[in-house]
């Protein structure tokens, strides 16, 4: 219905209703402008770091594993000089050769000019837990060479013995001792050498005293 001056007229002559519609339209338009145009996850994904071409820095929380920590015979082989071993055996010997024999480290001196077969002096070192196994090996080796005279080494280490004999005129002696959780074995042999139960006992005592 048209009223005066062409103005729109509503029942009761109230013009607030069209104004309310206009305000609502403006409000909807403004909210639409503020809405994001794209949608994505509400949390950030993992951060990707570029790969480094340089050396890696070790994690300080991990133990430092050194590949050179394998047991070595070098310190053991340096406790005697070649001259001292020559004096012990009674025959000139070559420079010591360090090595390994299963779980044991070894130091071996051989005679320079063996007249009736090679002579040698050997020191073997290992874990004391291997005492029984190593003892059986030494006994078997001695018996294979017909050296059967086993004698206890009282007062030398926690427990130990010597075994040997003079076989066809060649003295051959072995000794094995376990002391403070460490296994030590020595062998002294050679034609014309000083090898004997007394020699090997004295040599074992000296080995234990030096290290």
C-alpha atoms as a PDB file:
ATOM      1  CA  UNK A   1       0.000   0.000   0.000  1.00  0.00           C
ATOM      2  CA  UNK A   2       1.281   3.510  -0.887  1.00  0.00           C
ATOM      3  CA  UNK A   3       0.925   6.301   1.596  1.00  0.00           C
ATOM      4  CA  UNK A   4       1.672   9.926   1.355  1.00  0.00           C
ATOM      5  CA  UNK A   5       4.452  11.146  -0.972  1.00  0.00           C
ATOM      6  CA  UNK A   6       4.750   7.631  -2.409  1.00  0.00           C
ATOM      7  CA  UNK A   7       6.387   6.215   0.746  1.00  0.00           C
ATOM      8  CA  UNK A   8       6.004   2.518   1.386  1.00  0.00           C
ATOM      9  CA  UNK A   9       3.573   1.828   4.069  1.00  0.00           C
ATOM     10  CA  UNK A  10       3.257  -1.294   6.198  1.00  0.00           C
ATOM     11  CA  UNK A  11       0.631  -2.238   8.610  1.00  0.00           C
ATOM     12  CA  UNK A  12       0.823   0.052  11.563  1.00  0.00           C
ATOM     13  CA  UNK A  13       2.988   2.494   9.578  1.00  0.00           C
ATOM     14  CA  UNK A  14       6.264   0.883  10.973  1.00  0.00           C
ATOM     15  CA  UNK A  15       9.438   1.358   8.803  1.00  0.00           C
ATOM     16  CA  UNK A  16      11.843  -0.487  11.136  1.00  0.00           C
ATOM     17  CA  UNK A  17      11.379  -3.849   9.395  1.00  0.00           C
ATOM     18  CA  UNK A  18      13.101  -2.928   6.099  1.00  0.00           C
ATOM     19  CA  UNK A  19      15.945  -1.300   8.056  1.00  0.00           C
ATOM     20  CA  UNK A  20      16.402  -4.544   9.985  1.00  0.00           C
ATOM     21  CA  UNK A  21      16.655  -6.529   6.738  1.00  0.00           C
ATOM     22  CA  UNK A  22      19.297  -4.113   5.421  1.00  0.00           C
ATOM     23  CA  UNK A  23      21.416  -4.403   8.570  1.00  0.00           C
ATOM     24  CA  UNK A  24      21.234  -8.184   8.487  1.00  0.00           C
ATOM     25  CA  UNK A  25      22.370  -8.248   4.859  1.00  0.00           C
ATOM     26  CA  UNK A  26      25.382  -6.034   5.642  1.00  0.00           C
ATOM     27  CA  UNK A  27      26.354  -8.217   8.591  1.00  0.00           C
ATOM     28  CA  UNK A  28      26.254 -11.392   6.504  1.00  0.00           C
ATOM     29  CA  UNK A  29      28.332  -9.748   3.781  1.00  0.00           C
ATOM     30  CA  UNK A  30      31.007  -8.642   6.297  1.00  0.00           C
ATOM     31  CA  UNK A  31      31.293 -12.113   7.877  1.00  0.00           C
ATOM     32  CA  UNK A  32      31.637 -13.693   4.479  1.00  0.00           C
ATOM     33  CA  UNK A  33      34.568 -11.401   3.705  1.00  0.00           C
ATOM     34  CA  UNK A  34      36.371 -12.479   6.885  1.00  0.00           C
ATOM     35  CA  UNK A  35      36.003 -16.253   6.290  1.00  0.00           C
ATOM     36  CA  UNK A  36      39.220 -18.035   5.072  1.00  0.00           C
ATOM     37  CA  UNK A  37      39.232 -19.019   1.454  1.00  0.00           C
ATOM     38  CA  UNK A  38      41.157 -22.309   2.095  1.00  0.00           C
ATOM     39  CA  UNK A  39      40.969 -24.947   4.786  1.00  0.00           C
ATOM     40  CA  UNK A  40      43.650 -27.341   6.064  1.00  0.00           C
ATOM     41  CA  UNK A  41      44.770 -29.287   9.131  1.00  0.00           C
ATOM     42  CA  UNK A  42      44.547 -27.530  12.460  1.00  0.00           C
ATOM     43  CA  UNK A  43      48.026 -28.740  13.541  1.00  0.00           C
ATOM     44  CA  UNK A  44      51.349 -28.322  11.771  1.00  0.00           C
ATOM     45  CA  UNK A  45      52.979 -31.364  10.197  1.00  0.00           C
ATOM     46  CA  UNK A  46      56.602 -32.466  10.781  1.00  0.00           C
ATOM     47  CA  UNK A  47      59.299 -30.001   9.852  1.00  0.00           C
ATOM     48  CA  UNK A  48      61.497 -31.285   7.042  1.00  0.00           C
ATOM     49  CA  UNK A  49      65.187 -30.414   7.434  1.00  0.00           C
ATOM     50  CA  UNK A  50      67.609 -30.469   4.537  1.00  0.00           C
ATOM     51  CA  UNK A  51      70.068 -33.387   4.527  1.00  0.00           C
ATOM     52  CA  UNK A  52      73.559 -32.489   5.662  1.00  0.00           C
ATOM     53  CA  UNK A  53      76.511 -33.552   3.543  1.00  0.00           C
ATOM     54  CA  UNK A  54      79.026 -32.989   6.359  1.00  0.00           C
ATOM     55  CA  UNK A  55      80.129 -35.434   9.104  1.00  0.00           C
ATOM     56  CA  UNK A  56      77.489 -36.400  11.651  1.00  0.00           C
ATOM     57  CA  UNK A  57      77.910 -35.236  15.212  1.00  0.00           C
ATOM     58  CA  UNK A  58      77.662 -38.203  17.620  1.00  0.00           C
ATOM     59  CA  UNK A  59      74.728 -38.233  20.005  1.00  0.00           C
ATOM     60  CA  UNK A  60      76.158 -37.393  23.464  1.00  0.00           C
ATOM     61  CA  UNK A  61      73.556 -39.649  25.083  1.00  0.00           C
ATOM     62  CA  UNK A  62      75.088 -42.760  23.455  1.00  0.00           C
ATOM     63  CA  UNK A  63      78.255 -44.517  24.693  1.00  0.00           C
ATOM     64  CA  UNK A  64      81.414 -43.845  22.761  1.00  0.00           C
ATOM     65  CA  UNK A  65      82.375 -47.147  21.125  1.00  0.00           C
ATOM     66  CA  UNK A  66      85.977 -47.277  20.041  1.00  0.00           C
ATOM     67  CA  UNK A  67      86.832 -49.941  17.507  1.00  0.00           C
ATOM     68  CA  UNK A  68      90.407 -50.101  18.855  1.00  0.00           C
ATOM     69  CA  UNK A  69      89.367 -51.368  22.282  1.00  0.00           C
ATOM     70  CA  UNK A  70      89.975 -55.021  21.328  1.00  0.00           C
ATOM     71  CA  UNK A  71      92.421 -56.694  23.776  1.00  0.00           C
ATOM     72  CA  UNK A  72      96.020 -56.459  22.607  1.00  0.00           C
ATOM     73  CA  UNK A  73      99.182 -58.335  23.569  1.00  0.00           C
ATOM     74  CA  UNK A  74     101.536 -55.391  23.059  1.00  0.00           C
ATOM     75  CA  UNK A  75     101.688 -54.220  26.712  1.00  0.00           C
ATOM     76  CA  UNK A  76     102.231 -57.818  27.883  1.00  0.00           C
ATOM     77  CA  UNK A  77     104.976 -58.427  25.336  1.00  0.00           C
ATOM     78  CA  UNK A  78     106.913 -55.371  26.449  1.00  0.00           C
ATOM     79  CA  UNK A  79     107.429 -56.447  30.080  1.00  0.00           C
ATOM     80  CA  UNK A  80     110.569 -58.424  29.109  1.00  0.00           C
ATOM     81  CA  UNK A  81     113.416 -57.490  26.813  1.00  0.00           C
ATOM     82  CA  UNK A  82     114.875 -59.892  24.280  1.00  0.00           C
ATOM     83  CA  UNK A  83     118.046 -60.030  26.382  1.00  0.00           C
ATOM     84  CA  UNK A  84     116.087 -61.051  29.484  1.00  0.00           C
ATOM     85  CA  UNK A  85     114.317 -63.858  27.654  1.00  0.00           C
ATOM     86  CA  UNK A  86     117.654 -65.019  26.233  1.00  0.00           C
ATOM     87  CA  UNK A  87     119.022 -65.205  29.777  1.00  0.00           C
ATOM     88  CA  UNK A  88     115.966 -67.119  30.999  1.00  0.00           C
ATOM     89  CA  UNK A  89     116.079 -69.714  28.215  1.00  0.00           C
ATOM     90  CA  UNK A  90     119.876 -69.872  28.009  1.00  0.00           C
ATOM     91  CA  UNK A  91     119.718 -69.559  24.204  1.00  0.00           C
ATOM     92  CA  UNK A  92     119.621 -66.482  21.923  1.00  0.00           C
ATOM     93  CA  UNK A  93     116.072 -65.632  20.854  1.00  0.00           C
ATOM     94  CA  UNK A  94     114.515 -63.470  18.175  1.00  0.00           C
ATOM     95  CA  UNK A  95     112.365 -60.403  18.705  1.00  0.00           C
ATOM     96  CA  UNK A  96     109.016 -61.119  20.350  1.00  0.00           C
ATOM     97  CA  UNK A  97     105.969 -61.865  18.194  1.00  0.00           C
ATOM     98  CA  UNK A  98     102.599 -60.750  19.593  1.00  0.00           C
ATOM     99  CA  UNK A  99      99.465 -62.644  18.637  1.00  0.00           C
ATOM    100  CA  UNK A 100      96.162 -64.186  19.643  1.00  0.00           C
ATOM    101  CA  UNK A 101      95.135 -67.763  20.326  1.00  0.00           C
ATOM    102  CA  UNK A 102      91.364 -67.924  20.593  1.00  0.00           C
ATOM    103  CA  UNK A 103      90.356 -65.751  23.569  1.00  0.00           C
ATOM    104  CA  UNK A 104      93.977 -65.399  24.722  1.00  0.00           C
ATOM    105  CA  UNK A 105      96.791 -63.010  23.832  1.00  0.00           C
ATOM    106  CA  UNK A 106     100.277 -64.444  23.379  1.00  0.00           C
ATOM    107  CA  UNK A 107     103.895 -63.339  23.278  1.00  0.00           C
ATOM    108  CA  UNK A 108     106.404 -65.730  21.704  1.00  0.00           C
ATOM    109  CA  UNK A 109     110.191 -65.635  21.469  1.00  0.00           C
ATOM    110  CA  UNK A 110     111.868 -68.319  19.310  1.00  0.00           C
ATOM    111  CA  UNK A 111     115.510 -69.333  19.243  1.00  0.00           C
ATOM    112  CA  UNK A 112     117.725 -67.762  16.614  1.00  0.00           C
ATOM    113  CA  UNK A 113     119.747 -70.847  15.582  1.00  0.00           C
ATOM    114  CA  UNK A 114     118.156 -74.014  16.907  1.00  0.00           C
ATOM    115  CA  UNK A 115     120.654 -76.876  16.783  1.00  0.00           C
ATOM    116  CA  UNK A 116     118.345 -79.778  17.632  1.00  0.00           C
ATOM    117  CA  UNK A 117     114.887 -78.428  16.951  1.00  0.00           C
ATOM    118  CA  UNK A 118     113.369 -75.040  17.730  1.00  0.00           C
ATOM    119  CA  UNK A 119     113.285 -73.640  21.238  1.00  0.00           C
ATOM    120  CA  UNK A 120     110.882 -71.016  22.503  1.00  0.00           C
ATOM    121  CA  UNK A 121     109.466 -69.008  25.372  1.00  0.00           C
ATOM    122  CA  UNK A 122     105.770 -68.120  25.385  1.00  0.00           C
ATOM    123  CA  UNK A 123     103.561 -66.050  27.675  1.00  0.00           C
ATOM    124  CA  UNK A 124      99.781 -66.403  27.412  1.00  0.00           C
ATOM    125  CA  UNK A 125      97.267 -64.146  29.136  1.00  0.00           C
ATOM    126  CA  UNK A 126      93.466 -64.390  29.414  1.00  0.00           C
ATOM    127  CA  UNK A 127      90.422 -64.201  31.657  1.00  0.00           C
ATOM    128  CA  UNK A 128      90.660 -66.219  34.872  1.00  0.00           C
ATOM    129  CA  UNK A 129      87.330 -67.856  34.037  1.00  0.00           C
ATOM    130  CA  UNK A 130      89.187 -69.740  31.280  1.00  0.00           C
ATOM    131  CA  UNK A 131      91.593 -71.375  33.758  1.00  0.00           C
ATOM    132  CA  UNK A 132      90.091 -74.883  33.639  1.00  0.00           C
ATOM    133  CA  UNK A 133      89.691 -74.928  29.854  1.00  0.00           C
ATOM    134  CA  UNK A 134      93.203 -73.600  29.252  1.00  0.00           C
ATOM    135  CA  UNK A 135      94.692 -76.019  31.783  1.00  0.00           C
ATOM    136  CA  UNK A 136      93.181 -78.968  29.923  1.00  0.00           C
ATOM    137  CA  UNK A 137      94.652 -77.669  26.664  1.00  0.00           C
ATOM    138  CA  UNK A 138      98.137 -77.373  28.196  1.00  0.00           C
ATOM    139  CA  UNK A 139      97.947 -80.818  29.792  1.00  0.00           C
ATOM    140  CA  UNK A 140      96.844 -82.360  26.491  1.00  0.00           C
ATOM    141  CA  UNK A 141      99.631 -80.573  24.587  1.00  0.00           C
ATOM    142  CA  UNK A 142     102.262 -81.635  27.132  1.00  0.00           C
ATOM    143  CA  UNK A 143     101.112 -85.252  27.092  1.00  0.00           C
ATOM    144  CA  UNK A 144     101.116 -85.283  23.281  1.00  0.00           C
ATOM    145  CA  UNK A 145     104.848 -84.542  23.573  1.00  0.00           C
ATOM    146  CA  UNK A 146     105.270 -87.188  26.297  1.00  0.00           C
ATOM    147  CA  UNK A 147     105.790 -84.550  28.989  1.00  0.00           C
ATOM    148  CA  UNK A 148     103.782 -85.862  31.943  1.00  0.00           C
ATOM    149  CA  UNK A 149     105.493 -84.677  35.132  1.00  0.00           C
ATOM    150  CA  UNK A 150     102.744 -82.487  36.671  1.00  0.00           C
ATOM    151  CA  UNK A 151     103.625 -80.517  39.804  1.00  0.00           C
ATOM    152  CA  UNK A 152     101.545 -78.035  41.832  1.00  0.00           C
ATOM    153  CA  UNK A 153     103.011 -74.519  42.071  1.00  0.00           C
ATOM    154  CA  UNK A 154     102.344 -73.849  45.738  1.00  0.00           C
ATOM    155  CA  UNK A 155     102.504 -70.201  46.747  1.00  0.00           C
ATOM    156  CA  UNK A 156     102.326 -68.962  43.150  1.00  0.00           C
ATOM    157  CA  UNK A 157      99.053 -67.154  42.477  1.00  0.00           C
ATOM    158  CA  UNK A 158      95.697 -68.424  43.714  1.00  0.00           C
ATOM    159  CA  UNK A 159      96.134 -71.800  42.009  1.00  0.00           C
ATOM    160  CA  UNK A 160      98.466 -73.256  39.448  1.00  0.00           C
ATOM    161  CA  UNK A 161     100.686 -76.082  38.301  1.00  0.00           C
ATOM    162  CA  UNK A 162     103.592 -76.955  36.021  1.00  0.00           C
ATOM    163  CA  UNK A 163     103.873 -79.936  33.717  1.00  0.00           C
ATOM    164  CA  UNK A 164     106.774 -81.122  31.607  1.00  0.00           C
ATOM    165  CA  UNK A 165     109.778 -83.369  31.238  1.00  0.00           C
ATOM    166  CA  UNK A 166     112.930 -83.920  29.245  1.00  0.00           C
ATOM    167  CA  UNK A 167     111.783 -85.687  26.092  1.00  0.00           C
ATOM    168  CA  UNK A 168     114.570 -87.271  24.050  1.00  0.00           C
ATOM    169  CA  UNK A 169     117.009 -84.934  25.762  1.00  0.00           C
ATOM    170  CA  UNK A 170     114.912 -81.827  24.999  1.00  0.00           C
ATOM    171  CA  UNK A 171     113.415 -80.133  28.066  1.00  0.00           C
ATOM    172  CA  UNK A 172     109.862 -78.908  27.596  1.00  0.00           C
ATOM    173  CA  UNK A 173     107.853 -77.264  30.400  1.00  0.00           C
ATOM    174  CA  UNK A 174     104.480 -75.553  30.772  1.00  0.00           C
ATOM    175  CA  UNK A 175     102.951 -73.667  33.698  1.00  0.00           C
ATOM    176  CA  UNK A 176      99.437 -72.314  34.238  1.00  0.00           C
ATOM    177  CA  UNK A 177      98.340 -69.986  37.051  1.00  0.00           C
ATOM    178  CA  UNK A 178      95.106 -68.198  37.925  1.00  0.00           C
ATOM    179  CA  UNK A 179      95.555 -65.156  40.125  1.00  0.00           C
ATOM    180  CA  UNK A 180      93.136 -62.318  40.966  1.00  0.00           C
ATOM    181  CA  UNK A 181      90.814 -63.262  38.103  1.00  0.00           C
ATOM    182  CA  UNK A 182      93.595 -63.377  35.492  1.00  0.00           C
ATOM    183  CA  UNK A 183      94.911 -66.434  33.686  1.00  0.00           C
ATOM    184  CA  UNK A 184      98.629 -66.659  32.903  1.00  0.00           C
ATOM    185  CA  UNK A 185     100.373 -69.449  31.044  1.00  0.00           C
ATOM    186  CA  UNK A 186     104.079 -69.799  30.236  1.00  0.00           C
ATOM    187  CA  UNK A 187     106.047 -72.300  28.185  1.00  0.00           C
ATOM    188  CA  UNK A 188     109.825 -72.768  28.074  1.00  0.00           C
ATOM    189  CA  UNK A 189     111.510 -75.340  25.862  1.00  0.00           C
ATOM    190  CA  UNK A 190     114.508 -76.035  23.667  1.00  0.00           C
ATOM    191  CA  UNK A 191     117.425 -78.411  23.230  1.00  0.00           C
ATOM    192  CA  UNK A 192     120.364 -77.233  25.316  1.00  0.00           C
ATOM    193  CA  UNK A 193     118.150 -74.676  27.115  1.00  0.00           C
ATOM    194  CA  UNK A 194     117.679 -74.056  30.832  1.00  0.00           C
ATOM    195  CA  UNK A 195     114.082 -75.243  30.721  1.00  0.00           C
ATOM    196  CA  UNK A 196     113.140 -77.061  33.949  1.00  0.00           C
ATOM    197  CA  UNK A 197     110.476 -77.010  36.633  1.00  0.00           C
ATOM    198  CA  UNK A 198     112.626 -74.591  38.638  1.00  0.00           C
ATOM    199  CA  UNK A 199     113.158 -72.308  35.639  1.00  0.00           C
ATOM    200  CA  UNK A 200     109.508 -72.151  34.677  1.00  0.00           C
ATOM    201  CA  UNK A 201     108.385 -71.547  38.280  1.00  0.00           C
ATOM    202  CA  UNK A 202     110.821 -68.642  38.662  1.00  0.00           C
ATOM    203  CA  UNK A 203     109.773 -67.259  35.270  1.00  0.00           C
ATOM    204  CA  UNK A 204     106.075 -67.450  36.178  1.00  0.00           C
ATOM    205  CA  UNK A 205     106.711 -65.588  39.441  1.00  0.00           C
ATOM    206  CA  UNK A 206     108.529 -62.850  37.521  1.00  0.00           C
ATOM    207  CA  UNK A 207     105.728 -62.582  34.922  1.00  0.00           C
ATOM    208  CA  UNK A 208     103.116 -62.139  37.677  1.00  0.00           C
ATOM    209  CA  UNK A 209     105.297 -59.585  39.481  1.00  0.00           C
ATOM    210  CA  UNK A 210     105.691 -57.449  36.346  1.00  0.00           C
ATOM    211  CA  UNK A 211     102.089 -57.456  35.267  1.00  0.00           C
END
